């Protein structure tokens, strides 16, 4: 789950060097919301 959450951020890291990135509930929901809605995958989310 963490890999999926940080995938886009890792890819964009060179372009956003020196900036602070806040990972809050809205960011997590935007990146993982579709996985949380999937009943087969939601059981793996702690």
N, C-alpha and C. Protein backbone atom coordinates (compact mmCIF):
# COMPACT_ATOMS: atom_id res chain seq x y z
N UNK A 1 0.81 -1.18 0.00
CA UNK A 1 0.00 0.00 0.00
C UNK A 1 0.86 1.26 0.00
N UNK A 2 1.94 1.23 0.77
CA UNK A 2 2.81 2.40 0.80
C UNK A 2 3.44 2.67 -0.56
N UNK A 3 3.81 1.60 -1.25
CA UNK A 3 4.39 1.78 -2.58
C UNK A 3 3.40 2.47 -3.51
N UNK A 4 2.16 2.04 -3.46
CA UNK A 4 1.13 2.65 -4.30
C UNK A 4 0.87 4.11 -3.90
N UNK A 5 0.90 4.35 -2.59
CA UNK A 5 0.66 5.69 -2.07
C UNK A 5 1.74 6.68 -2.51
N UNK A 6 2.98 6.22 -2.51
CA UNK A 6 4.10 7.13 -2.79
C UNK A 6 4.63 7.03 -4.22
N UNK A 7 4.00 6.24 -5.05
CA UNK A 7 4.48 6.02 -6.41
C UNK A 7 4.61 7.32 -7.21
N UNK A 8 3.56 8.09 -7.29
CA UNK A 8 3.58 9.34 -8.05
C UNK A 8 4.56 10.34 -7.45
N UNK A 9 4.59 10.40 -6.14
CA UNK A 9 5.49 11.31 -5.45
C UNK A 9 6.95 10.95 -5.73
N UNK A 10 7.28 9.68 -5.71
CA UNK A 10 8.64 9.24 -6.01
C UNK A 10 9.04 9.60 -7.43
N UNK A 11 8.12 9.46 -8.35
CA UNK A 11 8.40 9.77 -9.75
C UNK A 11 8.65 11.27 -9.94
N UNK A 12 7.86 12.10 -9.23
CA UNK A 12 7.94 13.55 -9.38
C UNK A 12 8.99 14.19 -8.48
N UNK A 13 9.66 13.44 -7.64
CA UNK A 13 10.59 13.99 -6.66
C UNK A 13 11.66 14.90 -7.25
N UNK A 14 12.29 14.58 -8.36
CA UNK A 14 13.33 15.48 -8.88
C UNK A 14 12.78 16.87 -9.25
N UNK A 15 11.55 16.93 -9.70
CA UNK A 15 10.97 18.21 -10.09
C UNK A 15 10.52 19.04 -8.89
N UNK A 16 10.26 18.42 -7.76
CA UNK A 16 9.76 19.16 -6.60
C UNK A 16 10.81 19.22 -5.48
N UNK A 17 12.05 19.09 -5.84
CA UNK A 17 13.15 19.14 -4.88
C UNK A 17 13.09 20.43 -4.07
N UNK A 18 13.21 20.32 -2.77
CA UNK A 18 13.23 21.48 -1.90
C UNK A 18 11.87 21.91 -1.40
N UNK A 19 10.82 21.26 -1.84
CA UNK A 19 9.48 21.61 -1.35
C UNK A 19 9.03 20.59 -0.31
N UNK A 20 8.13 21.01 0.54
CA UNK A 20 7.57 20.13 1.56
C UNK A 20 6.28 19.52 1.03
N UNK A 21 6.18 18.23 1.17
CA UNK A 21 4.99 17.52 0.74
C UNK A 21 4.27 17.01 1.99
N UNK A 22 3.01 17.35 2.12
CA UNK A 22 2.21 16.90 3.26
C UNK A 22 1.32 15.76 2.79
N UNK A 23 1.45 14.64 3.48
CA UNK A 23 0.61 13.50 3.16
C UNK A 23 -0.45 13.42 4.25
N UNK A 24 -1.64 13.87 3.89
CA UNK A 24 -2.75 13.90 4.83
C UNK A 24 -3.85 12.96 4.35
N UNK A 25 -4.96 12.97 5.05
CA UNK A 25 -6.07 12.07 4.72
C UNK A 25 -6.58 12.31 3.30
N UNK A 26 -6.62 13.56 2.87
CA UNK A 26 -7.11 13.86 1.52
C UNK A 26 -6.18 13.28 0.46
N UNK A 27 -4.86 13.37 0.68
CA UNK A 27 -3.89 12.81 -0.27
C UNK A 27 -4.04 11.29 -0.33
N UNK A 28 -4.15 10.66 0.83
CA UNK A 28 -4.29 9.20 0.88
C UNK A 28 -5.59 8.77 0.19
N UNK A 29 -6.66 9.50 0.44
CA UNK A 29 -7.93 9.16 -0.19
C UNK A 29 -7.86 9.33 -1.70
N UNK A 30 -7.19 10.38 -2.15
CA UNK A 30 -7.07 10.61 -3.59
C UNK A 30 -6.25 9.52 -4.26
N UNK A 31 -5.21 9.04 -3.59
CA UNK A 31 -4.34 8.03 -4.19
C UNK A 31 -4.83 6.60 -4.00
N UNK A 32 -5.49 6.32 -2.88
CA UNK A 32 -5.88 4.95 -2.56
C UNK A 32 -7.37 4.74 -2.45
N UNK A 33 -8.15 5.77 -2.71
CA UNK A 33 -9.59 5.66 -2.54
C UNK A 33 -10.22 4.53 -3.31
N UNK A 34 -9.79 4.34 -4.55
CA UNK A 34 -10.37 3.27 -5.36
C UNK A 34 -10.03 1.90 -4.81
N UNK A 35 -8.86 1.75 -4.21
CA UNK A 35 -8.50 0.46 -3.61
C UNK A 35 -9.32 0.20 -2.35
N UNK A 36 -9.56 1.23 -1.57
CA UNK A 36 -10.33 1.07 -0.34
C UNK A 36 -11.77 0.69 -0.65
N UNK A 37 -12.27 1.11 -1.79
CA UNK A 37 -13.65 0.80 -2.17
C UNK A 37 -13.80 -0.61 -2.74
N UNK A 38 -12.70 -1.24 -3.08
CA UNK A 38 -12.73 -2.60 -3.63
C UNK A 38 -12.81 -3.59 -2.47
N UNK A 39 -13.91 -4.33 -2.33
CA UNK A 39 -14.07 -5.22 -1.17
C UNK A 39 -13.01 -6.32 -1.09
N UNK A 40 -12.47 -6.75 -2.22
CA UNK A 40 -11.45 -7.79 -2.20
C UNK A 40 -10.12 -7.26 -1.68
N UNK A 41 -9.82 -6.00 -1.94
CA UNK A 41 -8.55 -5.42 -1.49
C UNK A 41 -8.65 -4.70 -0.16
N UNK A 42 -9.84 -4.27 0.22
CA UNK A 42 -9.99 -3.50 1.45
C UNK A 42 -9.61 -4.30 2.70
N UNK A 43 -9.67 -5.60 2.64
CA UNK A 43 -9.29 -6.41 3.82
C UNK A 43 -7.80 -6.37 4.09
N UNK A 44 -6.99 -5.94 3.11
CA UNK A 44 -5.55 -5.82 3.31
C UNK A 44 -5.14 -4.46 3.85
N UNK A 45 -6.07 -3.53 3.91
CA UNK A 45 -5.78 -2.19 4.40
C UNK A 45 -5.98 -2.19 5.91
N UNK A 46 -4.95 -1.84 6.62
CA UNK A 46 -5.05 -1.83 8.10
C UNK A 46 -5.59 -0.52 8.57
